[in-house]
Amino acid sequence: MLRVISRLLALCATVLAGLLAGAMILIDVVLLPFWRGVPPEQFRTWFVAHSDRIRTLMLPLGAGAAAVNTASAVVQTARGPRARAASVGAAAAAGVVAITITVSEPMNHRFTAEQLTGPETASLLERWARWHRLRVALGVVATFGAASALLDRKS
């Protein structure tokens, strides 16, 4: 029974981490160039109007990916010493959540709540983009870690 639970959790962890990474990549390759391409005032207006929609999708997806990847790592560890891949996936997914909570969300709040000048907005957006790329990388690592745990025939 533990083997079935282990495989199911690894499958869910892989799917959620993949969806999270894919959504963050979409933000990086579609929204970020758009945000950089419009005047800062227009970006802030757009962000105020739409950031709640992005947050409504991304926060539960990130939290779910972190929780399921962690559960998968715990179950993999309980089954024996072959939990490295699942643990890497859990740590990377937790890293995405940690950066989101401590860095990205405070910056998002500044975009929507503060009166920023154009140069301040551009500078903050560049910092946001650098941290976002780290989140993307961690999301990809989480996906590969979870997938490796899923593909491990001894799991």
N, C-alpha and C. Protein backbone atom coordinates (compact mmCIF):
# COMPACT_ATOMS: atom_id res chain seq x y z
N MET A 1 0.82 -1.20 0.00
CA MET A 1 0.00 0.00 0.00
C MET A 1 0.87 1.27 0.00
N LEU A 2 1.96 1.24 0.77
CA LEU A 2 2.84 2.41 0.81
C LEU A 2 3.45 2.67 -0.57
N ARG A 3 3.70 1.61 -1.33
CA ARG A 3 4.24 1.76 -2.69
C ARG A 3 3.26 2.50 -3.58
N VAL A 4 1.97 2.17 -3.47
CA VAL A 4 0.94 2.83 -4.27
C VAL A 4 0.83 4.30 -3.88
N ILE A 5 0.82 4.58 -2.60
CA ILE A 5 0.76 5.96 -2.13
C ILE A 5 1.99 6.73 -2.61
N SER A 6 3.14 6.09 -2.52
CA SER A 6 4.38 6.71 -2.96
C SER A 6 4.33 7.08 -4.43
N ARG A 7 3.86 6.16 -5.26
CA ARG A 7 3.77 6.42 -6.70
C ARG A 7 2.74 7.51 -7.01
N LEU A 8 1.60 7.48 -6.32
CA LEU A 8 0.57 8.48 -6.55
C LEU A 8 1.07 9.87 -6.16
N LEU A 9 1.73 9.96 -5.01
CA LEU A 9 2.28 11.24 -4.60
C LEU A 9 3.35 11.73 -5.57
N ALA A 10 4.20 10.81 -6.03
CA ALA A 10 5.24 11.20 -6.99
C ALA A 10 4.61 11.71 -8.29
N LEU A 11 3.54 11.07 -8.73
CA LEU A 11 2.84 11.51 -9.93
C LEU A 11 2.23 12.91 -9.73
N CYS A 12 1.53 13.10 -8.61
CA CYS A 12 0.94 14.41 -8.33
C CYS A 12 2.01 15.48 -8.17
N ALA A 13 3.12 15.13 -7.52
CA ALA A 13 4.22 16.08 -7.34
C ALA A 13 4.79 16.49 -8.69
N THR A 14 4.95 15.54 -9.59
CA THR A 14 5.48 15.84 -10.91
C THR A 14 4.54 16.75 -11.69
N VAL A 15 3.28 16.43 -11.67
CA VAL A 15 2.29 17.24 -12.41
C VAL A 15 2.22 18.66 -11.84
N LEU A 16 2.12 18.78 -10.53
CA LEU A 16 2.01 20.12 -9.93
C LEU A 16 3.29 20.94 -10.12
N ALA A 17 4.44 20.31 -9.94
CA ALA A 17 5.70 21.05 -10.16
C ALA A 17 5.82 21.45 -11.63
N GLY A 18 5.42 20.56 -12.53
CA GLY A 18 5.47 20.90 -13.96
C GLY A 18 4.54 22.04 -14.32
N LEU A 19 3.34 22.03 -13.75
CA LEU A 19 2.40 23.12 -14.00
C LEU A 19 2.94 24.43 -13.44
N LEU A 20 3.50 24.38 -12.24
CA LEU A 20 4.08 25.57 -11.64
C LEU A 20 5.22 26.12 -12.49
N ALA A 21 6.14 25.24 -12.87
CA ALA A 21 7.27 25.68 -13.71
C ALA A 21 6.77 26.23 -15.04
N GLY A 22 5.81 25.57 -15.64
CA GLY A 22 5.27 26.03 -16.92
C GLY A 22 4.61 27.40 -16.81
N ALA A 23 3.86 27.60 -15.74
CA ALA A 23 3.21 28.90 -15.55
C ALA A 23 4.24 30.00 -15.32
N MET A 24 5.29 29.68 -14.58
CA MET A 24 6.34 30.69 -14.35
C MET A 24 7.12 30.98 -15.63
N ILE A 25 7.33 29.96 -16.45
CA ILE A 25 7.99 30.17 -17.74
C ILE A 25 7.11 31.04 -18.63
N LEU A 26 5.82 30.81 -18.62
CA LEU A 26 4.89 31.64 -19.39
C LEU A 26 4.99 33.10 -18.96
N ILE A 27 5.04 33.34 -17.66
CA ILE A 27 5.20 34.71 -17.17
C ILE A 27 6.51 35.29 -17.70
N ASP A 28 7.57 34.48 -17.67
CA ASP A 28 8.89 34.95 -18.08
C ASP A 28 8.96 35.26 -19.58
N VAL A 29 8.34 34.44 -20.41
CA VAL A 29 8.51 34.63 -21.86
C VAL A 29 7.39 35.45 -22.50
N VAL A 30 6.26 35.62 -21.81
CA VAL A 30 5.16 36.37 -22.40
C VAL A 30 4.92 37.68 -21.64
N LEU A 31 4.66 37.58 -20.35
CA LEU A 31 4.29 38.78 -19.61
C LEU A 31 5.47 39.70 -19.35
N LEU A 32 6.60 39.16 -18.97
CA LEU A 32 7.74 40.02 -18.65
C LEU A 32 8.18 40.88 -19.84
N PRO A 33 8.29 40.33 -21.05
CA PRO A 33 8.62 41.21 -22.19
C PRO A 33 7.55 42.28 -22.43
N PHE A 34 6.29 41.91 -22.24
CA PHE A 34 5.21 42.90 -22.38
C PHE A 34 5.38 44.00 -21.34
N TRP A 35 5.60 43.60 -20.08
CA TRP A 35 5.75 44.59 -19.01
C TRP A 35 6.92 45.53 -19.28
N ARG A 36 8.02 44.98 -19.78
CA ARG A 36 9.19 45.81 -20.07
C ARG A 36 8.95 46.72 -21.28
N GLY A 37 8.06 46.32 -22.16
CA GLY A 37 7.85 47.04 -23.41
C GLY A 37 6.89 48.20 -23.34
N VAL A 38 6.18 48.32 -22.25
CA VAL A 38 5.24 49.43 -22.12
C VAL A 38 5.82 50.46 -21.15
N PRO A 39 5.37 51.69 -21.22
CA PRO A 39 5.84 52.69 -20.26
C PRO A 39 5.53 52.26 -18.82
N PRO A 40 6.39 52.63 -17.87
CA PRO A 40 6.20 52.20 -16.48
C PRO A 40 4.81 52.48 -15.91
N GLU A 41 4.24 53.64 -16.25
CA GLU A 41 2.91 53.97 -15.74
C GLU A 41 1.87 52.99 -16.28
N GLN A 42 2.00 52.65 -17.56
CA GLN A 42 1.07 51.70 -18.17
C GLN A 42 1.25 50.31 -17.56
N PHE A 43 2.50 49.92 -17.31
CA PHE A 43 2.75 48.63 -16.64
C PHE A 43 2.05 48.60 -15.29
N ARG A 44 2.22 49.64 -14.48
CA ARG A 44 1.62 49.64 -13.14
C ARG A 44 0.09 49.59 -13.24
N THR A 45 -0.48 50.31 -14.19
CA THR A 45 -1.94 50.26 -14.38
C THR A 45 -2.38 48.84 -14.73
N TRP A 46 -1.65 48.21 -15.67
CA TRP A 46 -1.97 46.83 -16.04
C TRP A 46 -1.82 45.92 -14.85
N PHE A 47 -0.74 46.07 -14.10
CA PHE A 47 -0.45 45.19 -12.97
C PHE A 47 -1.52 45.32 -11.88
N VAL A 48 -1.95 46.54 -11.61
CA VAL A 48 -3.02 46.76 -10.62
C VAL A 48 -4.29 46.03 -11.08
N ALA A 49 -4.58 46.10 -12.36
CA ALA A 49 -5.81 45.50 -12.89
C ALA A 49 -5.77 43.97 -12.94
N HIS A 50 -4.58 43.38 -13.11
CA HIS A 50 -4.51 41.95 -13.39
C HIS A 50 -3.71 41.11 -12.41
N SER A 51 -2.97 41.71 -11.52
CA SER A 51 -2.10 40.92 -10.64
C SER A 51 -2.88 39.99 -9.73
N ASP A 52 -4.08 40.36 -9.32
CA ASP A 52 -4.87 39.46 -8.48
C ASP A 52 -5.24 38.18 -9.21
N ARG A 53 -5.46 38.27 -10.51
CA ARG A 53 -5.77 37.07 -11.29
C ARG A 53 -4.57 36.13 -11.33
N ILE A 54 -3.40 36.71 -11.53
CA ILE A 54 -2.18 35.90 -11.56
C ILE A 54 -1.96 35.27 -10.19
N ARG A 55 -2.10 36.06 -9.15
CA ARG A 55 -1.92 35.58 -7.77
C ARG A 55 -2.90 34.46 -7.45
N THR A 56 -4.15 34.60 -7.89
CA THR A 56 -5.18 33.59 -7.62
C THR A 56 -4.80 32.23 -8.19
N LEU A 57 -4.09 32.22 -9.29
CA LEU A 57 -3.62 30.97 -9.89
C LEU A 57 -2.30 30.52 -9.26
N MET A 58 -1.35 31.43 -9.16
CA MET A 58 0.02 31.04 -8.81
C MET A 58 0.20 30.66 -7.34
N LEU A 59 -0.43 31.37 -6.42
CA LEU A 59 -0.22 31.06 -5.01
C LEU A 59 -0.71 29.65 -4.64
N PRO A 60 -1.94 29.27 -5.00
CA PRO A 60 -2.35 27.89 -4.68
C PRO A 60 -1.52 26.84 -5.44
N LEU A 61 -1.14 27.15 -6.66
CA LEU A 61 -0.32 26.22 -7.43
C LEU A 61 1.04 26.02 -6.77
N GLY A 62 1.67 27.10 -6.35
CA GLY A 62 2.96 27.00 -5.67
C GLY A 62 2.85 26.29 -4.33
N ALA A 63 1.85 26.65 -3.54
CA ALA A 63 1.66 26.00 -2.24
C ALA A 63 1.34 24.52 -2.41
N GLY A 64 0.50 24.21 -3.38
CA GLY A 64 0.16 22.80 -3.63
C GLY A 64 1.36 22.01 -4.09
N ALA A 65 2.15 22.59 -4.99
CA ALA A 65 3.35 21.89 -5.47
C ALA A 65 4.32 21.64 -4.33
N ALA A 66 4.51 22.64 -3.49
CA ALA A 66 5.43 22.48 -2.35
C ALA A 66 4.91 21.43 -1.38
N ALA A 67 3.62 21.47 -1.07
CA ALA A 67 3.05 20.52 -0.12
C ALA A 67 3.11 19.08 -0.64
N VAL A 68 2.72 18.88 -1.89
CA VAL A 68 2.70 17.51 -2.43
C VAL A 68 4.13 17.00 -2.65
N ASN A 69 5.04 17.87 -3.08
CA ASN A 69 6.44 17.44 -3.22
C ASN A 69 7.02 17.08 -1.86
N THR A 70 6.67 17.81 -0.83
CA THR A 70 7.14 17.49 0.52
C THR A 70 6.55 16.17 0.99
N ALA A 71 5.26 15.97 0.78
CA ALA A 71 4.64 14.70 1.16
C ALA A 71 5.28 13.53 0.41
N SER A 72 5.55 13.73 -0.86
CA SER A 72 6.21 12.69 -1.64
C SER A 72 7.59 12.36 -1.08
N ALA A 73 8.34 13.39 -0.71
CA ALA A 73 9.68 13.16 -0.14
C ALA A 73 9.60 12.44 1.19
N VAL A 74 8.62 12.78 2.01
CA VAL A 74 8.45 12.11 3.30
C VAL A 74 8.14 10.63 3.09
N VAL A 75 7.21 10.34 2.20
CA VAL A 75 6.85 8.95 1.93
C VAL A 75 8.02 8.20 1.30
N GLN A 76 8.72 8.83 0.38
CA GLN A 76 9.89 8.18 -0.23
C GLN A 76 10.94 7.87 0.84
N THR A 77 11.15 8.80 1.76
CA THR A 77 12.12 8.60 2.83
C THR A 77 11.68 7.45 3.74
N ALA A 78 10.41 7.38 4.01
CA ALA A 78 9.88 6.30 4.86
C ALA A 78 10.07 4.93 4.22
N ARG A 79 10.13 4.89 2.90
CA ARG A 79 10.27 3.63 2.19
C ARG A 79 11.72 3.18 2.07
N GLY A 80 12.66 4.05 2.38
CA GLY A 80 14.05 3.64 2.29
C GLY A 80 14.96 4.75 1.85
N PRO A 81 16.19 4.42 1.50
CA PRO A 81 17.20 5.44 1.23
C PRO A 81 17.16 6.05 -0.17
N ARG A 82 16.18 5.74 -0.99
CA ARG A 82 16.17 6.22 -2.37
C ARG A 82 15.30 7.46 -2.54
N ALA A 83 15.34 8.34 -1.55
CA ALA A 83 14.46 9.51 -1.57
C ALA A 83 15.15 10.77 -2.05
N ARG A 84 16.36 10.66 -2.56
CA ARG A 84 17.11 11.87 -2.94
C ARG A 84 16.36 12.72 -3.96
N ALA A 85 15.87 12.14 -5.03
CA ALA A 85 15.21 12.91 -6.09
C ALA A 85 13.97 13.61 -5.57
N ALA A 86 13.16 12.90 -4.80
CA ALA A 86 11.95 13.51 -4.24
C ALA A 86 12.31 14.62 -3.27
N SER A 87 13.38 14.44 -2.52
CA SER A 87 13.81 15.49 -1.58
C SER A 87 14.29 16.73 -2.31
N VAL A 88 14.99 16.54 -3.41
CA VAL A 88 15.43 17.68 -4.23
C VAL A 88 14.20 18.42 -4.78
N GLY A 89 13.23 17.66 -5.25
CA GLY A 89 12.01 18.28 -5.75
C GLY A 89 11.29 19.07 -4.68
N ALA A 90 11.21 18.51 -3.48
CA ALA A 90 10.54 19.20 -2.38
C ALA A 90 11.29 20.46 -1.98
N ALA A 91 12.60 20.37 -1.90
CA ALA A 91 13.40 21.55 -1.51
C ALA A 91 13.27 22.66 -2.56
N ALA A 92 13.31 22.29 -3.83
CA ALA A 92 13.21 23.29 -4.89
C ALA A 92 11.83 23.94 -4.90
N ALA A 93 10.78 23.14 -4.74
CA ALA A 93 9.42 23.70 -4.70
C ALA A 93 9.26 24.62 -3.49
N ALA A 94 9.83 24.22 -2.36
CA ALA A 94 9.78 25.08 -1.17
C ALA A 94 10.55 26.37 -1.42
N GLY A 95 11.63 26.30 -2.19
CA GLY A 95 12.39 27.49 -2.54
C GLY A 95 11.56 28.47 -3.36
N VAL A 96 10.77 27.95 -4.28
CA VAL A 96 9.88 28.82 -5.07
C VAL A 96 8.92 29.56 -4.13
N VAL A 97 8.33 28.83 -3.21
CA VAL A 97 7.38 29.44 -2.27
C VAL A 97 8.08 30.47 -1.39
N ALA A 98 9.26 30.13 -0.90
CA ALA A 98 9.99 31.04 -0.02
C ALA A 98 10.33 32.36 -0.74
N ILE A 99 10.80 32.26 -1.97
CA ILE A 99 11.11 33.48 -2.74
C ILE A 99 9.85 34.27 -3.03
N THR A 100 8.78 33.57 -3.35
CA THR A 100 7.51 34.25 -3.63
C THR A 100 7.06 35.06 -2.43
N ILE A 101 7.09 34.43 -1.25
CA ILE A 101 6.59 35.09 -0.04
C ILE A 101 7.51 36.23 0.40
N THR A 102 8.82 36.00 0.35
CA THR A 102 9.75 36.97 0.94
C THR A 102 10.22 38.05 -0.03
N VAL A 103 10.17 37.78 -1.34
CA VAL A 103 10.72 38.72 -2.31
C VAL A 103 9.65 39.19 -3.31
N SER A 104 9.04 38.26 -4.02
CA SER A 104 8.13 38.63 -5.11
C SER A 104 6.87 39.33 -4.63
N GLU A 105 6.22 38.78 -3.62
CA GLU A 105 4.98 39.40 -3.15
C GLU A 105 5.22 40.81 -2.59
N PRO A 106 6.27 41.05 -1.80
CA PRO A 106 6.51 42.44 -1.38
C PRO A 106 6.74 43.38 -2.58
N MET A 107 7.45 42.91 -3.61
CA MET A 107 7.64 43.74 -4.80
C MET A 107 6.32 43.97 -5.51
N ASN A 108 5.51 42.92 -5.62
CA ASN A 108 4.19 43.06 -6.25
C ASN A 108 3.37 44.11 -5.51
N HIS A 109 3.43 44.08 -4.20
CA HIS A 109 2.70 45.06 -3.40
C HIS A 109 3.21 46.48 -3.70
N ARG A 110 4.50 46.63 -3.86
CA ARG A 110 5.04 47.96 -4.20
C ARG A 110 4.52 48.44 -5.55
N PHE A 111 4.43 47.52 -6.53
CA PHE A 111 3.92 47.91 -7.84
C PHE A 111 2.48 48.42 -7.75
N THR A 112 1.69 47.84 -6.86
CA THR A 112 0.27 48.20 -6.80
C THR A 112 -0.05 49.26 -5.76
N ALA A 113 0.77 49.42 -4.73
CA ALA A 113 0.40 50.29 -3.62
C ALA A 113 1.19 51.60 -3.54
N GLU A 114 2.35 51.64 -4.11
CA GLU A 114 3.19 52.82 -3.97
C GLU A 114 3.14 53.70 -5.21
N GLN A 115 3.43 54.96 -4.99
CA GLN A 115 3.58 55.89 -6.11
C GLN A 115 5.05 55.85 -6.53
N LEU A 116 5.36 55.01 -7.49
CA LEU A 116 6.73 54.86 -7.98
C LEU A 116 6.95 55.74 -9.20
N THR A 117 8.14 56.28 -9.32
CA THR A 117 8.49 56.99 -10.55
C THR A 117 8.75 55.96 -11.65
N GLY A 118 8.86 56.44 -12.88
CA GLY A 118 9.18 55.55 -13.99
C GLY A 118 10.49 54.81 -13.77
N PRO A 119 11.59 55.50 -13.43
CA PRO A 119 12.85 54.81 -13.18
C PRO A 119 12.79 53.84 -12.00
N GLU A 120 12.05 54.21 -10.94
CA GLU A 120 11.90 53.29 -9.80
C GLU A 120 11.15 52.04 -10.23
N THR A 121 10.12 52.21 -11.04
CA THR A 121 9.35 51.06 -11.53
C THR A 121 10.23 50.16 -12.37
N ALA A 122 10.99 50.74 -13.30
CA ALA A 122 11.86 49.94 -14.17
C ALA A 122 12.91 49.20 -13.36
N SER A 123 13.50 49.84 -12.38
CA SER A 123 14.51 49.20 -11.54
C SER A 123 13.91 48.06 -10.72
N LEU A 124 12.74 48.31 -10.15
CA LEU A 124 12.07 47.27 -9.36
C LEU A 124 11.67 46.09 -10.24
N LEU A 125 11.20 46.37 -11.44
CA LEU A 125 10.83 45.29 -12.37
C LEU A 125 12.05 44.45 -12.74
N GLU A 126 13.20 45.07 -12.92
CA GLU A 126 14.41 44.30 -13.24
C GLU A 126 14.81 43.41 -12.07
N ARG A 127 14.71 43.93 -10.85
CA ARG A 127 15.00 43.10 -9.67
C ARG A 127 13.99 41.96 -9.58
N TRP A 128 12.73 42.27 -9.82
CA TRP A 128 11.68 41.24 -9.79
C TRP A 128 12.01 40.14 -10.81
N ALA A 129 12.43 40.55 -12.01
CA ALA A 129 12.72 39.58 -13.08
C ALA A 129 13.89 38.66 -12.69
N ARG A 130 14.92 39.22 -12.06
CA ARG A 130 16.06 38.38 -11.64
C ARG A 130 15.61 37.33 -10.63
N TRP A 131 14.83 37.72 -9.65
CA TRP A 131 14.33 36.77 -8.67
C TRP A 131 13.37 35.78 -9.31
N HIS A 132 12.57 36.25 -10.26
CA HIS A 132 11.64 35.36 -10.95
C HIS A 132 12.40 34.27 -11.71
N ARG A 133 13.49 34.63 -12.33
CA ARG A 133 14.27 33.62 -13.06
C ARG A 133 14.81 32.55 -12.11
N LEU A 134 15.16 32.93 -10.90
CA LEU A 134 15.57 31.93 -9.91
C LEU A 134 14.39 31.03 -9.56
N ARG A 135 13.20 31.62 -9.44
CA ARG A 135 12.01 30.80 -9.18
C ARG A 135 11.76 29.83 -10.34
N VAL A 136 11.93 30.30 -11.57
CA VAL A 136 11.75 29.43 -12.73
C VAL A 136 12.73 28.26 -12.65
N ALA A 137 14.00 28.56 -12.38
CA ALA A 137 15.01 27.50 -12.30
C ALA A 137 14.66 26.50 -11.20
N LEU A 138 14.24 26.99 -10.05
CA LEU A 138 13.85 26.09 -8.97
C LEU A 138 12.62 25.26 -9.35
N GLY A 139 11.68 25.86 -10.07
CA GLY A 139 10.51 25.12 -10.54
C GLY A 139 10.88 23.99 -11.49
N VAL A 140 11.83 24.25 -12.37
CA VAL A 140 12.30 23.21 -13.29
C VAL A 140 13.01 22.10 -12.51
N VAL A 141 13.85 22.48 -11.54
CA VAL A 141 14.53 21.48 -10.70
C VAL A 141 13.50 20.65 -9.94
N ALA A 142 12.47 21.30 -9.40
CA ALA A 142 11.42 20.57 -8.68
C ALA A 142 10.73 19.57 -9.60
N THR A 143 10.47 19.98 -10.83
CA THR A 143 9.82 19.09 -11.78
C THR A 143 10.69 17.87 -12.09
N PHE A 144 11.96 18.11 -12.35
CA PHE A 144 12.86 17.00 -12.65
C PHE A 144 13.06 16.10 -11.44
N GLY A 145 13.14 16.69 -10.24
CA GLY A 145 13.27 15.87 -9.03
C GLY A 145 12.06 14.99 -8.83
N ALA A 146 10.88 15.58 -8.97
CA ALA A 146 9.65 14.80 -8.81
C ALA A 146 9.53 13.73 -9.88
N ALA A 147 9.87 14.08 -11.12
CA ALA A 147 9.80 13.10 -12.22
C ALA A 147 10.80 11.97 -12.00
N SER A 148 11.98 12.29 -11.51
CA SER A 148 12.97 11.25 -11.24
C SER A 148 12.47 10.29 -10.18
N ALA A 149 11.83 10.82 -9.14
CA ALA A 149 11.26 9.96 -8.12
C ALA A 149 10.14 9.08 -8.70
N LEU A 150 9.37 9.67 -9.60
CA LEU A 150 8.28 8.90 -10.23
C LEU A 150 8.83 7.80 -11.11
N LEU A 151 9.89 8.09 -11.84
CA LEU A 151 10.45 7.11 -12.77
C LEU A 151 11.34 6.07 -12.11
N ASP A 152 11.68 6.28 -10.84
CA ASP A 152 12.51 5.33 -10.11
C ASP A 152 11.71 4.05 -9.91
N ARG A 153 12.07 3.01 -10.61
CA ARG A 153 11.33 1.74 -10.59
C ARG A 153 11.38 1.07 -9.22
N LYS A 154 12.30 1.46 -8.38
CA LYS A 154 12.41 0.87 -7.05
C LYS A 154 11.59 1.62 -6.03
N SER A 155 10.89 2.67 -6.48
CA SER A 155 10.05 3.47 -5.56
C SER A 155 8.77 2.75 -5.27
